[in-house]
Amino acid sequence: RFEEAEAHRDWFREHGFTDIREPDHVNEGEGDFAVTASYLLAGRGFRSSPLSHDEAQEFFGLPVIGLDLVDPRYYHLDTALCVLDAAADEIMYYPDAFS
């Protein structure tokens, strides 16, 4: 998706966004993050670097809980976990996908 980055930056600039940040570490996509009222849940292992979690914590201002994916069938966090009620920090997940 590296080649898409410039098109995305251009779109945001054209639509008035001025605070555009580029990460230093690989976060493959939104599929490796889940947000609740209190936490940013962040998958790591197959496609996203754990080093990207500090950047996300700084940007969003929420504590990050890093979750290690261990089964290649569940290569993104959103294939094994979903938020049921963000305000109540309620999630459901498939335990065997995680260490």
PDB file of N, CA and C in Angstrom:
ATOM      1  N   ARG A   1       0.807  -1.208   0.000  1.00  0.00           N
ATOM      2  CA  ARG A   1       0.000   0.000   0.000  1.00  0.00           C
ATOM      3  C   ARG A   1       0.845   1.265   0.000  1.00  0.00           C
ATOM      4  N   PHE A   2       2.136   1.100  -0.023  1.00  0.00           N
ATOM      5  CA  PHE A   2       3.039   2.243  -0.004  1.00  0.00           C
ATOM      6  C   PHE A   2       2.726   3.214  -1.144  1.00  0.00           C
ATOM      7  N   GLU A   3       2.445   2.663  -2.319  1.00  0.00           N
ATOM      8  CA  GLU A   3       2.205   3.506  -3.485  1.00  0.00           C
ATOM      9  C   GLU A   3       0.914   4.309  -3.372  1.00  0.00           C
ATOM     10  N   GLU A   4      -0.005   3.884  -2.506  1.00  0.00           N
ATOM     11  CA  GLU A   4      -1.257   4.613  -2.311  1.00  0.00           C
ATOM     12  C   GLU A   4      -1.083   5.813  -1.385  1.00  0.00           C
ATOM     13  N   ALA A   5      -0.013   5.849  -0.629  1.00  0.00           N
ATOM     14  CA  ALA A   5       0.160   6.868   0.411  1.00  0.00           C
ATOM     15  C   ALA A   5       0.124   8.281  -0.148  1.00  0.00           C
ATOM     16  N   GLU A   6       0.791   8.516  -1.257  1.00  0.00           N
ATOM     17  CA  GLU A   6       0.815   9.870  -1.812  1.00  0.00           C
ATOM     18  C   GLU A   6      -0.580  10.318  -2.234  1.00  0.00           C
ATOM     19  N   ALA A   7      -1.345   9.439  -2.846  1.00  0.00           N
ATOM     20  CA  ALA A   7      -2.720   9.782  -3.241  1.00  0.00           C
ATOM     21  C   ALA A   7      -3.571  10.105  -2.019  1.00  0.00           C
ATOM     22  N   HIS A   8      -3.385   9.362  -0.944  1.00  0.00           N
ATOM     23  CA  HIS A   8      -4.139   9.636   0.289  1.00  0.00           C
ATOM     24  C   HIS A   8      -3.738  10.982   0.886  1.00  0.00           C
ATOM     25  N   ARG A   9      -2.458  11.249   0.948  1.00  0.00           N
ATOM     26  CA  ARG A   9      -2.000  12.548   1.476  1.00  0.00           C
ATOM     27  C   ARG A   9      -2.573  13.693   0.651  1.00  0.00           C
ATOM     28  N   ASP A  10      -2.544  13.558  -0.667  1.00  0.00           N
ATOM     29  CA  ASP A  10      -3.093  14.604  -1.539  1.00  0.00           C
ATOM     30  C   ASP A  10      -4.576  14.824  -1.265  1.00  0.00           C
ATOM     31  N   TRP A  11      -5.323  13.739  -1.124  1.00  0.00           N
ATOM     32  CA  TRP A  11      -6.762  13.862  -0.859  1.00  0.00           C
ATOM     33  C   TRP A  11      -7.005  14.619   0.439  1.00  0.00           C
ATOM     34  N   PHE A  12      -6.295  14.254   1.502  1.00  0.00           N
ATOM     35  CA  PHE A  12      -6.489  14.924   2.791  1.00  0.00           C
ATOM     36  C   PHE A  12      -6.136  16.405   2.698  1.00  0.00           C
ATOM     37  N   ARG A  13      -5.040  16.723   2.049  1.00  0.00           N
ATOM     38  CA  ARG A  13      -4.657  18.143   1.886  1.00  0.00           C
ATOM     39  C   ARG A  13      -5.728  18.911   1.108  1.00  0.00           C
ATOM     40  N   GLU A  14      -6.228  18.313   0.038  1.00  0.00           N
ATOM     41  CA  GLU A  14      -7.254  18.961  -0.783  1.00  0.00           C
ATOM     42  C   GLU A  14      -8.556  19.177  -0.018  1.00  0.00           C
ATOM     43  N   HIS A  15      -8.762  18.423   1.033  1.00  0.00           N
ATOM     44  CA  HIS A  15      -9.985  18.534   1.826  1.00  0.00           C
ATOM     45  C   HIS A  15      -9.754  19.237   3.162  1.00  0.00           C
ATOM     46  N   GLY A  16      -8.675  19.995   3.256  1.00  0.00           N
ATOM     47  CA  GLY A  16      -8.472  20.887   4.390  1.00  0.00           C
ATOM     48  C   GLY A  16      -7.751  20.320   5.593  1.00  0.00           C
ATOM     49  N   PHE A  17      -7.273  19.109   5.517  1.00  0.00           N
ATOM     50  CA  PHE A  17      -6.533  18.543   6.641  1.00  0.00           C
ATOM     51  C   PHE A  17      -5.105  19.080   6.610  1.00  0.00           C
ATOM     52  N   THR A  18      -4.659  19.608   7.733  1.00  0.00           N
ATOM     53  CA  THR A  18      -3.321  20.203   7.777  1.00  0.00           C
ATOM     54  C   THR A  18      -2.333  19.395   8.610  1.00  0.00           C
ATOM     55  N   ASP A  19      -2.813  18.595   9.541  1.00  0.00           N
ATOM     56  CA  ASP A  19      -1.937  17.799  10.407  1.00  0.00           C
ATOM     57  C   ASP A  19      -1.845  16.383   9.841  1.00  0.00           C
ATOM     58  N   ILE A  20      -0.992  16.203   8.870  1.00  0.00           N
ATOM     59  CA  ILE A  20      -0.827  14.904   8.228  1.00  0.00           C
ATOM     60  C   ILE A  20       0.502  14.328   8.687  1.00  0.00           C
ATOM     61  N   ARG A  21       0.426  13.191   9.363  1.00  0.00           N
ATOM     62  CA  ARG A  21       1.639  12.567   9.901  1.00  0.00           C
ATOM     63  C   ARG A  21       1.911  11.258   9.180  1.00  0.00           C
ATOM     64  N   GLU A  22       3.165  11.023   8.946  1.00  0.00           N
ATOM     65  CA  GLU A  22       3.568   9.761   8.343  1.00  0.00           C
ATOM     66  C   GLU A  22       4.279   8.926   9.396  1.00  0.00           C
ATOM     67  N   PRO A  23       3.916   7.671   9.517  1.00  0.00           N
ATOM     68  CA  PRO A  23       4.535   6.824  10.532  1.00  0.00           C
ATOM     69  C   PRO A  23       5.971   6.456  10.184  1.00  0.00           C
ATOM     70  N   ASP A  24       6.728   6.162  11.219  1.00  0.00           N
ATOM     71  CA  ASP A  24       8.089   5.664  11.039  1.00  0.00           C
ATOM     72  C   ASP A  24       8.118   4.143  10.951  1.00  0.00           C
ATOM     73  N   HIS A  25       7.076   3.497  11.496  1.00  0.00           N
ATOM     74  CA  HIS A  25       7.043   2.038  11.570  1.00  0.00           C
ATOM     75  C   HIS A  25       5.795   1.507  10.877  1.00  0.00           C
ATOM     76  N   VAL A  26       5.869   0.269  10.426  1.00  0.00           N
ATOM     77  CA  VAL A  26       4.797  -0.318   9.628  1.00  0.00           C
ATOM     78  C   VAL A  26       3.586  -0.659  10.483  1.00  0.00           C
ATOM     79  N   ASN A  27       2.479  -0.056  10.122  1.00  0.00           N
ATOM     80  CA  ASN A  27       1.162  -0.479  10.580  1.00  0.00           C
ATOM     81  C   ASN A  27       0.415  -0.802   9.299  1.00  0.00           C
ATOM     82  N   GLU A  28       0.126  -2.058   9.074  1.00  0.00           N
ATOM     83  CA  GLU A  28      -0.377  -2.493   7.778  1.00  0.00           C
ATOM     84  C   GLU A  28      -1.725  -1.863   7.439  1.00  0.00           C
ATOM     85  N   GLY A  29      -2.530  -1.572   8.418  1.00  0.00           N
ATOM     86  CA  GLY A  29      -3.823  -0.969   8.111  1.00  0.00           C
ATOM     87  C   GLY A  29      -4.739  -0.952   9.303  1.00  0.00           C
ATOM     88  N   GLU A  30      -5.921  -0.400   9.074  1.00  0.00           N
ATOM     89  CA  GLU A  30      -6.861  -0.256  10.177  1.00  0.00           C
ATOM     90  C   GLU A  30      -7.325  -1.597  10.727  1.00  0.00           C
ATOM     91  N   GLY A  31      -7.127  -2.676   9.977  1.00  0.00           N
ATOM     92  CA  GLY A  31      -7.512  -3.998  10.450  1.00  0.00           C
ATOM     93  C   GLY A  31      -6.709  -4.479  11.636  1.00  0.00           C
ATOM     94  N   ASP A  32      -5.614  -3.820  11.961  1.00  0.00           N
ATOM     95  CA  ASP A  32      -4.809  -4.206  13.116  1.00  0.00           C
ATOM     96  C   ASP A  32      -5.049  -3.312  14.327  1.00  0.00           C
ATOM     97  N   PHE A  33      -6.091  -2.488  14.282  1.00  0.00           N
ATOM     98  CA  PHE A  33      -6.452  -1.655  15.435  1.00  0.00           C
ATOM     99  C   PHE A  33      -7.935  -1.791  15.738  1.00  0.00           C
ATOM    100  N   ALA A  34      -8.268  -1.756  17.010  1.00  0.00           N
ATOM    101  CA  ALA A  34      -9.656  -1.680  17.467  1.00  0.00           C
ATOM    102  C   ALA A  34      -9.677  -0.651  18.592  1.00  0.00           C
ATOM    103  N   VAL A  35     -10.672   0.216  18.579  1.00  0.00           N
ATOM    104  CA  VAL A  35     -10.716   1.323  19.533  1.00  0.00           C
ATOM    105  C   VAL A  35     -11.923   1.181  20.445  1.00  0.00           C
ATOM    106  N   THR A  36     -11.681   1.335  21.745  1.00  0.00           N
ATOM    107  CA  THR A  36     -12.764   1.447  22.715  1.00  0.00           C
ATOM    108  C   THR A  36     -12.636   2.819  23.375  1.00  0.00           C
ATOM    109  N   ALA A  37     -13.519   3.099  24.308  1.00  0.00           N
ATOM    110  CA  ALA A  37     -13.479   4.399  24.982  1.00  0.00           C
ATOM    111  C   ALA A  37     -12.180   4.595  25.759  1.00  0.00           C
ATOM    112  N   SER A  38     -11.594   3.515  26.243  1.00  0.00           N
ATOM    113  CA  SER A  38     -10.429   3.622  27.124  1.00  0.00           C
ATOM    114  C   SER A  38      -9.121   3.145  26.521  1.00  0.00           C
ATOM    115  N   TYR A  39      -9.186   2.336  25.461  1.00  0.00           N
ATOM    116  CA  TYR A  39      -7.981   1.678  24.958  1.00  0.00           C
ATOM    117  C   TYR A  39      -7.927   1.659  23.434  1.00  0.00           C
ATOM    118  N   LEU A  40      -6.710   1.529  22.947  1.00  0.00           N
ATOM    119  CA  LEU A  40      -6.470   1.208  21.547  1.00  0.00           C
ATOM    120  C   LEU A  40      -5.868  -0.193  21.547  1.00  0.00           C
ATOM    121  N   LEU A  41      -6.597  -1.153  21.026  1.00  0.00           N
ATOM    122  CA  LEU A  41      -6.117  -2.527  20.942  1.00  0.00           C
ATOM    123  C   LEU A  41      -5.363  -2.656  19.626  1.00  0.00           C
ATOM    124  N   ALA A  42      -4.164  -3.186  19.675  1.00  0.00           N
ATOM    125  CA  ALA A  42      -3.303  -3.196  18.494  1.00  0.00           C
ATOM    126  C   ALA A  42      -2.738  -4.588  18.249  1.00  0.00           C
ATOM    127  N   GLY A  43      -3.049  -5.135  17.088  1.00  0.00           N
ATOM    128  CA  GLY A  43      -2.515  -6.429  16.699  1.00  0.00           C
ATOM    129  C   GLY A  43      -1.089  -6.298  16.193  1.00  0.00           C
ATOM    130  N   ARG A  44      -0.338  -7.353  16.374  1.00  0.00           N
ATOM    131  CA  ARG A  44       1.041  -7.368  15.879  1.00  0.00           C
ATOM    132  C   ARG A  44       1.428  -8.814  15.590  1.00  0.00           C
ATOM    133  N   GLY A  45       2.396  -8.962  14.709  1.00  0.00           N
ATOM    134  CA  GLY A  45       2.910 -10.297  14.449  1.00  0.00           C
ATOM    135  C   GLY A  45       3.042 -10.646  12.993  1.00  0.00           C
ATOM    136  N   PHE A  46       1.996 -10.457  12.201  1.00  0.00           N
ATOM    137  CA  PHE A  46       2.077 -10.877  10.804  1.00  0.00           C
ATOM    138  C   PHE A  46       2.293  -9.710   9.854  1.00  0.00           C
ATOM    139  N   ARG A  47       1.626  -8.600  10.096  1.00  0.00           N
ATOM    140  CA  ARG A  47       1.711  -7.513   9.124  1.00  0.00           C
ATOM    141  C   ARG A  47       2.069  -6.167   9.735  1.00  0.00           C
ATOM    142  N   SER A  48       1.927  -6.015  11.027  1.00  0.00           N
ATOM    143  CA  SER A  48       2.219  -4.724  11.666  1.00  0.00           C
ATOM    144  C   SER A  48       3.346  -4.869  12.677  1.00  0.00           C
ATOM    145  N   SER A  49       4.210  -3.888  12.705  1.00  0.00           N
ATOM    146  CA  SER A  49       5.325  -3.872  13.646  1.00  0.00           C
ATOM    147  C   SER A  49       4.847  -3.445  15.025  1.00  0.00           C
ATOM    148  N   PRO A  50       5.336  -4.094  16.075  1.00  0.00           N
ATOM    149  CA  PRO A  50       5.000  -3.629  17.423  1.00  0.00           C
ATOM    150  C   PRO A  50       5.504  -2.211  17.683  1.00  0.00           C
ATOM    151  N   LEU A  51       6.500  -1.774  16.920  1.00  0.00           N
ATOM    152  CA  LEU A  51       7.020  -0.413  17.093  1.00  0.00           C
ATOM    153  C   LEU A  51       6.003   0.642  16.668  1.00  0.00           C
ATOM    154  N   SER A  52       5.038   0.262  15.851  1.00  0.00           N
ATOM    155  CA  SER A  52       4.005   1.213  15.427  1.00  0.00           C
ATOM    156  C   SER A  52       3.049   1.556  16.562  1.00  0.00           C
ATOM    157  N   HIS A  53       3.037   0.754  17.599  1.00  0.00           N
ATOM    158  CA  HIS A  53       2.085   0.974  18.690  1.00  0.00           C
ATOM    159  C   HIS A  53       2.383   2.242  19.479  1.00  0.00           C
ATOM    160  N   ASP A  54       3.652   2.535  19.695  1.00  0.00           N
ATOM    161  CA  ASP A  54       3.999   3.780  20.396  1.00  0.00           C
ATOM    162  C   ASP A  54       3.542   5.000  19.604  1.00  0.00           C
ATOM    163  N   GLU A  55       3.705   4.939  18.291  1.00  0.00           N
ATOM    164  CA  GLU A  55       3.249   6.048  17.448  1.00  0.00           C
ATOM    165  C   GLU A  55       1.739   6.222  17.541  1.00  0.00           C
ATOM    166  N   ALA A  56       1.019   5.121  17.528  1.00  0.00           N
ATOM    167  CA  ALA A  56      -0.441   5.192  17.622  1.00  0.00           C
ATOM    168  C   ALA A  56      -0.871   5.738  18.977  1.00  0.00           C
ATOM    169  N   GLN A  57      -0.200   5.314  20.042  1.00  0.00           N
ATOM    170  CA  GLN A  57      -0.535   5.808  21.381  1.00  0.00           C
ATOM    171  C   GLN A  57      -0.327   7.316  21.463  1.00  0.00           C
ATOM    172  N   GLU A  58       0.766   7.789  20.905  1.00  0.00           N
ATOM    173  CA  GLU A  58       1.043   9.227  20.919  1.00  0.00           C
ATOM    174  C   GLU A  58      -0.002   9.997  20.110  1.00  0.00           C
ATOM    175  N   PHE A  59      -0.362   9.470  18.963  1.00  0.00           N
ATOM    176  CA  PHE A  59      -1.305  10.168  18.086  1.00  0.00           C
ATOM    177  C   PHE A  59      -2.716  10.197  18.667  1.00  0.00           C
ATOM    178  N   PHE A  60      -3.196   9.045  19.164  1.00  0.00           N
ATOM    179  CA  PHE A  60      -4.577   8.948  19.632  1.00  0.00           C
ATOM    180  C   PHE A  60      -4.757   9.319  21.097  1.00  0.00           C
ATOM    181  N   GLY A  61      -3.669   9.318  21.869  1.00  0.00           N
ATOM    182  CA  GLY A  61      -3.774   9.672  23.274  1.00  0.00           C
ATOM    183  C   GLY A  61      -4.472   8.631  24.124  1.00  0.00           C
ATOM    184  N   LEU A  62      -4.462   7.399  23.677  1.00  0.00           N
ATOM    185  CA  LEU A  62      -5.045   6.292  24.438  1.00  0.00           C
ATOM    186  C   LEU A  62      -3.958   5.263  24.718  1.00  0.00           C
ATOM    187  N   PRO A  63      -4.033   4.595  25.867  1.00  0.00           N
ATOM    188  CA  PRO A  63      -3.067   3.524  26.105  1.00  0.00           C
ATOM    189  C   PRO A  63      -3.287   2.390  25.100  1.00  0.00           C
ATOM    190  N   VAL A  64      -2.187   1.860  24.598  1.00  0.00           N
ATOM    191  CA  VAL A  64      -2.246   0.773  23.624  1.00  0.00           C
ATOM    192  C   VAL A  64      -2.036  -0.552  24.336  1.00  0.00           C
ATOM    193  N   ILE A  65      -2.885  -1.500  24.017  1.00  0.00           N
ATOM    194  CA  ILE A  65      -2.703  -2.878  24.470  1.00  0.00           C
ATOM    195  C   ILE A  65      -2.300  -3.677  23.237  1.00  0.00           C
ATOM    196  N   GLY A  66      -1.044  -4.137  23.218  1.00  0.00           N
ATOM    197  CA  GLY A  66      -0.537  -4.923  22.097  1.00  0.00           C
ATOM    198  C   GLY A  66      -0.965  -6.371  22.227  1.00  0.00           C
ATOM    199  N   LEU A  67      -1.512  -6.911  21.161  1.00  0.00           N
ATOM    200  CA  LEU A  67      -2.002  -8.289  21.149  1.00  0.00           C
ATOM    201  C   LEU A  67      -1.260  -9.065  20.069  1.00  0.00           C
ATOM    202  N   ASP A  68      -0.585 -10.137  20.475  1.00  0.00           N
ATOM    203  CA  ASP A  68       0.227 -10.930  19.559  1.00  0.00           C
ATOM    204  C   ASP A  68      -0.628 -11.965  18.836  1.00  0.00           C
ATOM    205  N   LEU A  69      -0.720 -11.817  17.526  1.00  0.00           N
ATOM    206  CA  LEU A  69      -1.411 -12.789  16.690  1.00  0.00           C
ATOM    207  C   LEU A  69      -0.441 -13.922  16.373  1.00  0.00           C
ATOM    208  N   VAL A  70      -0.890 -15.173  16.542  1.00  0.00           N
ATOM    209  CA  VAL A  70       0.018 -16.309  16.375  1.00  0.00           C
ATOM    210  C   VAL A  70      -0.442 -17.318  15.320  1.00  0.00           C
ATOM    211  N   ASP A  71      -1.644 -17.177  14.824  1.00  0.00           N
ATOM    212  CA  ASP A  71      -2.178 -18.102  13.829  1.00  0.00           C
ATOM    213  C   ASP A  71      -2.291 -17.355  12.498  1.00  0.00           C
ATOM    214  N   PRO A  72      -1.588 -17.794  11.455  1.00  0.00           N
ATOM    215  CA  PRO A  72      -1.592 -17.046  10.194  1.00  0.00           C
ATOM    216  C   PRO A  72      -2.969 -16.927   9.543  1.00  0.00           C
ATOM    217  N   ARG A  73      -3.919 -17.738   9.953  1.00  0.00           N
ATOM    218  CA  ARG A  73      -5.278 -17.573   9.424  1.00  0.00           C
ATOM    219  C   ARG A  73      -5.922 -16.290   9.947  1.00  0.00           C
ATOM    220  N   TYR A  74      -5.398 -15.795  11.058  1.00  0.00           N
ATOM    221  CA  TYR A  74      -5.893 -14.550  11.665  1.00  0.00           C
ATOM    222  C   TYR A  74      -4.761 -13.529  11.575  1.00  0.00           C
ATOM    223  N   TYR A  75      -4.559 -13.010  10.385  1.00  0.00           N
ATOM    224  CA  TYR A  75      -3.405 -12.160  10.079  1.00  0.00           C
ATOM    225  C   TYR A  75      -3.619 -10.705  10.449  1.00  0.00           C
ATOM    226  N   HIS A  76      -4.867 -10.306  10.694  1.00  0.00           N
ATOM    227  CA  HIS A  76      -5.201  -8.965  11.183  1.00  0.00           C
ATOM    228  C   HIS A  76      -6.006  -9.098  12.464  1.00  0.00           C
ATOM    229  N   LEU A  77      -5.907  -8.109  13.309  1.00  0.00           N
ATOM    230  CA  LEU A  77      -6.662  -8.125  14.558  1.00  0.00           C
ATOM    231  C   LEU A  77      -8.155  -8.287  14.304  1.00  0.00           C
ATOM    232  N   ASP A  78      -8.684  -7.615  13.268  1.00  0.00           N
ATOM    233  CA  ASP A  78     -10.130  -7.650  13.052  1.00  0.00           C
ATOM    234  C   ASP A  78     -10.650  -8.983  12.522  1.00  0.00           C
ATOM    235  N   THR A  79      -9.766  -9.938  12.268  1.00  0.00           N
ATOM    236  CA  THR A  79     -10.223 -11.277  11.898  1.00  0.00           C
ATOM    237  C   THR A  79     -10.446 -12.155  13.123  1.00  0.00           C
ATOM    238  N   ALA A  80     -10.002 -11.693  14.295  1.00  0.00           N
ATOM    239  CA  ALA A  80     -10.111 -12.500  15.510  1.00  0.00           C
ATOM    240  C   ALA A  80     -10.697 -11.740  16.696  1.00  0.00           C
ATOM    241  N   LEU A  81     -10.998 -10.467  16.518  1.00  0.00           N
ATOM    242  CA  LEU A  81     -11.490  -9.641  17.625  1.00  0.00           C
ATOM    243  C   LEU A  81     -12.389  -8.545  17.070  1.00  0.00           C
ATOM    244  N   CYS A  82     -13.466  -8.252  17.801  1.00  0.00           N
ATOM    245  CA  CYS A  82     -14.278  -7.085  17.424  1.00  0.00           C
ATOM    246  C   CYS A  82     -14.796  -6.412  18.693  1.00  0.00           C
ATOM    247  N   VAL A  83     -15.046  -5.135  18.575  1.00  0.00           N
ATOM    248  CA  VAL A  83     -15.575  -4.344  19.682  1.00  0.00           C
ATOM    249  C   VAL A  83     -17.091  -4.468  19.657  1.00  0.00           C
ATOM    250  N   LEU A  84     -17.673  -4.893  20.781  1.00  0.00           N
ATOM    251  CA  LEU A  84     -19.125  -5.005  20.893  1.00  0.00           C
ATOM    252  C   LEU A  84     -19.748  -3.706  21.379  1.00  0.00           C
ATOM    253  N   ASP A  85     -19.122  -3.103  22.381  1.00  0.00           N
ATOM    254  CA  ASP A  85     -19.616  -1.844  22.955  1.00  0.00           C
ATOM    255  C   ASP A  85     -18.405  -1.004  23.332  1.00  0.00           C
ATOM    256  N   ALA A  86     -18.080  -0.044  22.482  1.00  0.00           N
ATOM    257  CA  ALA A  86     -16.877   0.769  22.696  1.00  0.00           C
ATOM    258  C   ALA A  86     -16.943   1.537  24.006  1.00  0.00           C
ATOM    259  N   ALA A  87     -18.105   2.073  24.348  1.00  0.00           N
ATOM    260  CA  ALA A  87     -18.238   2.873  25.565  1.00  0.00           C
ATOM    261  C   ALA A  87     -17.992   2.042  26.818  1.00  0.00           C
ATOM    262  N   ALA A  88     -18.328   0.765  26.760  1.00  0.00           N
ATOM    263  CA  ALA A  88     -18.160  -0.123  27.913  1.00  0.00           C
ATOM    264  C   ALA A  88     -16.883  -0.956  27.823  1.00  0.00           C
ATOM    265  N   ASP A  89     -16.054  -0.709  26.810  1.00  0.00           N
ATOM    266  CA  ASP A  89     -14.824  -1.484  26.600  1.00  0.00           C
ATOM    267  C   ASP A  89     -15.104  -2.979  26.469  1.00  0.00           C
ATOM    268  N   GLU A  90     -16.212  -3.331  25.827  1.00  0.00           N
ATOM    269  CA  GLU A  90     -16.572  -4.740  25.658  1.00  0.00           C
ATOM    270  C   GLU A  90     -16.142  -5.232  24.279  1.00  0.00           C
ATOM    271  N   ILE A  91     -15.453  -6.365  24.290  1.00  0.00           N
ATOM    272  CA  ILE A  91     -14.995  -6.976  23.044  1.00  0.00           C
ATOM    273  C   ILE A  91     -15.370  -8.449  23.039  1.00  0.00           C
ATOM    274  N   MET A  92     -15.288  -9.061  21.869  1.00  0.00           N
ATOM    275  CA  MET A  92     -15.299 -10.527  21.779  1.00  0.00           C
ATOM    276  C   MET A  92     -14.101 -10.909  20.923  1.00  0.00           C
ATOM    277  N   TYR A  93     -13.525 -12.077  21.206  1.00  0.00           N
ATOM    278  CA  TYR A  93     -12.331 -12.483  20.477  1.00  0.00           C
ATOM    279  C   TYR A  93     -12.235 -13.995  20.429  1.00  0.00           C
ATOM    280  N   TYR A  94     -11.427 -14.473  19.507  1.00  0.00           N
ATOM    281  CA  TYR A  94     -11.142 -15.891  19.361  1.00  0.00           C
ATOM    282  C   TYR A  94      -9.804 -16.169  20.039  1.00  0.00           C
ATOM    283  N   PRO A  95      -9.808 -16.798  21.220  1.00  0.00           N
ATOM    284  CA  PRO A  95      -8.583 -16.953  22.017  1.00  0.00           C
ATOM    285  C   PRO A  95      -7.426 -17.648  21.296  1.00  0.00           C
ATOM    286  N   ASP A  96      -7.710 -18.640  20.461  1.00  0.00           N
ATOM    287  CA  ASP A  96      -6.632 -19.390  19.815  1.00  0.00           C
ATOM    288  C   ASP A  96      -5.837 -18.574  18.797  1.00  0.00           C
ATOM    289  N   ALA A  97      -6.325 -17.400  18.438  1.00  0.00           N
ATOM    290  CA  ALA A  97      -5.604 -16.548  17.489  1.00  0.00           C
ATOM    291  C   ALA A  97      -4.469 -15.775  18.158  1.00  0.00           C
ATOM    292  N   PHE A  98      -4.454 -15.769  19.491  1.00  0.00           N
ATOM    293  CA  PHE A  98      -3.509 -14.936  20.249  1.00  0.00           C
ATOM    294  C   PHE A  98      -2.590 -15.790  21.118  1.00  0.00           C
ATOM    295  N   SER A  99      -1.414 -15.218  21.441  1.00  0.00           N
ATOM    296  CA  SER A  99      -0.498 -15.930  22.340  1.00  0.00           C
ATOM    297  C   SER A  99      -0.919 -15.711  23.775  1.00  0.00           C
TER     298      SER A  99
END
